[in-house]
Amino acid sequence: MKMMMMVMKVKMMMVMKVKMMKMMVMKVKMMKMMKMMVMKVKMMVMKVKMMKMMVKMMVMKMMVMKVKMMKMMVMKMMKVKMMKMMVMKVKMKVRPPPGVSAGTLPG
């Protein structure tokens, strides 16, 4: 009878040990899973940050492009104005002043 009890106890101990081992393994697995999750979250955060950076860069580029475009437009306007001024000057030179016939230039 005592022997049986001992055997039972040993068996119980063994089962308990196995259960403990399984628990440990589960815990380790859980830890690993948690770590993986944390890593994934970190990766996601990094990705989001990268995306934000990209967007910022894009916006900056767009702004720069817009400024460049504006400058180009201003330059074009200036050129057009200059051209108009030149044309006006040429017209002034070509057109004789009133009161003087086209044949005789003053001077």
Protein backbone atom coordinates (compact mmCIF):
# COMPACT_ATOMS: atom_id res chain seq x y z
CA MET A 1 0.00 0.00 0.00
CA LYS A 2 2.75 2.41 0.93
CA MET A 3 4.60 1.51 -2.24
CA MET A 4 1.53 2.30 -4.28
CA MET A 5 1.22 5.64 -2.53
CA MET A 6 4.85 6.40 -3.26
CA VAL A 7 4.45 5.47 -6.90
CA MET A 8 1.35 7.63 -7.13
CA LYS A 9 3.19 10.49 -5.49
CA VAL A 10 6.11 10.13 -7.87
CA LYS A 11 3.73 9.95 -10.80
CA MET A 12 1.97 13.07 -9.56
CA MET A 13 5.30 14.80 -9.15
CA MET A 14 6.27 13.81 -12.67
CA VAL A 15 2.96 15.04 -14.06
CA MET A 16 3.33 18.26 -12.11
CA LYS A 17 6.87 18.68 -13.40
CA VAL A 18 5.74 18.10 -16.96
CA LYS A 19 2.89 20.58 -16.44
CA MET A 20 5.35 23.07 -15.02
CA MET A 21 7.64 22.54 -17.98
CA LYS A 22 4.73 23.03 -20.36
CA MET A 23 3.76 26.16 -18.48
CA MET A 24 7.32 27.42 -18.73
CA VAL A 25 7.38 26.71 -22.45
CA MET A 26 4.05 28.48 -22.81
CA LYS A 27 5.37 31.41 -20.82
CA VAL A 28 8.48 31.58 -22.99
CA LYS A 29 6.29 31.37 -26.09
CA MET A 30 4.10 34.12 -24.71
CA MET A 31 7.15 36.23 -23.97
CA LYS A 32 8.39 35.66 -27.50
CA MET A 33 4.98 36.55 -28.86
CA MET A 34 4.93 39.69 -26.75
CA LYS A 35 8.39 40.61 -27.96
CA MET A 36 7.31 40.00 -31.53
CA MET A 37 4.24 42.15 -30.97
CA VAL A 38 6.34 44.92 -29.46
CA MET A 39 8.74 44.67 -32.39
CA LYS A 40 5.82 44.81 -34.82
CA VAL A 41 4.40 47.84 -33.04
CA LYS A 42 7.82 49.49 -33.10
CA MET A 43 8.10 48.71 -36.79
CA MET A 44 4.66 50.20 -37.37
CA VAL A 45 5.61 53.34 -35.45
CA MET A 46 8.82 53.58 -37.46
CA LYS A 47 6.84 53.15 -40.68
CA VAL A 48 4.41 55.86 -39.62
CA LYS A 49 7.33 58.15 -38.77
CA MET A 50 8.92 57.38 -42.12
CA MET A 51 5.62 58.10 -43.86
CA LYS A 52 5.32 61.40 -41.98
CA MET A 53 8.89 62.27 -42.95
CA MET A 54 8.14 61.37 -46.57
CA VAL A 55 5.01 63.52 -46.51
CA LYS A 56 6.98 66.40 -44.97
CA MET A 57 9.66 66.00 -47.63
CA MET A 58 7.00 65.91 -50.35
CA VAL A 59 5.34 69.03 -48.93
CA MET A 60 8.71 70.77 -48.71
CA LYS A 61 9.49 69.80 -52.31
CA MET A 62 6.07 70.99 -53.40
CA MET A 63 6.61 74.28 -51.58
CA VAL A 64 10.03 74.71 -53.18
CA MET A 65 8.57 73.87 -56.58
CA LYS A 66 5.76 76.39 -56.01
CA VAL A 67 8.27 79.06 -55.00
CA LYS A 68 10.35 78.25 -58.08
CA MET A 69 7.24 78.43 -60.23
CA MET A 70 6.34 81.77 -58.64
CA LYS A 71 9.85 83.06 -59.33
CA MET A 72 9.60 81.82 -62.90
CA MET A 73 6.24 83.57 -63.27
CA VAL A 74 7.67 86.80 -61.85
CA MET A 75 10.65 86.53 -64.18
CA LYS A 76 8.32 85.97 -67.13
CA MET A 77 6.21 88.95 -66.08
CA MET A 78 9.34 91.07 -65.76
CA LYS A 79 10.51 89.92 -69.21
CA VAL A 80 7.11 90.70 -70.70
CA LYS A 81 7.18 94.15 -69.07
CA MET A 82 10.72 94.71 -70.36
CA MET A 83 9.64 93.63 -73.84
CA LYS A 84 6.63 95.97 -73.69
CA MET A 85 8.88 98.80 -72.52
CA MET A 86 11.30 98.08 -75.37
CA VAL A 87 8.44 98.03 -77.88
CA MET A 88 7.12 101.30 -76.45
CA LYS A 89 10.59 102.88 -76.72
CA VAL A 90 10.99 101.65 -80.28
CA LYS A 91 7.52 102.95 -81.16
CA MET A 92 8.39 106.29 -79.58
CA LYS A 93 11.59 106.44 -81.64
CA VAL A 94 9.87 105.42 -84.86
CA ARG A 95 6.81 107.62 -84.51
CA PRO A 96 7.67 111.22 -85.35
CA PRO A 97 6.57 113.82 -82.85
CA PRO A 98 3.41 115.71 -83.74
CA GLY A 99 3.79 118.86 -85.83
CA VAL A 100 6.74 117.47 -87.77
CA SER A 101 6.11 115.75 -91.09
CA ALA A 102 7.32 112.21 -91.55
CA GLY A 103 9.81 113.35 -94.19
CA THR A 104 11.85 115.74 -92.02
CA LEU A 105 13.19 114.52 -88.71
CA PRO A 106 14.09 117.20 -86.20
CA GLY A 107 17.74 118.08 -85.95
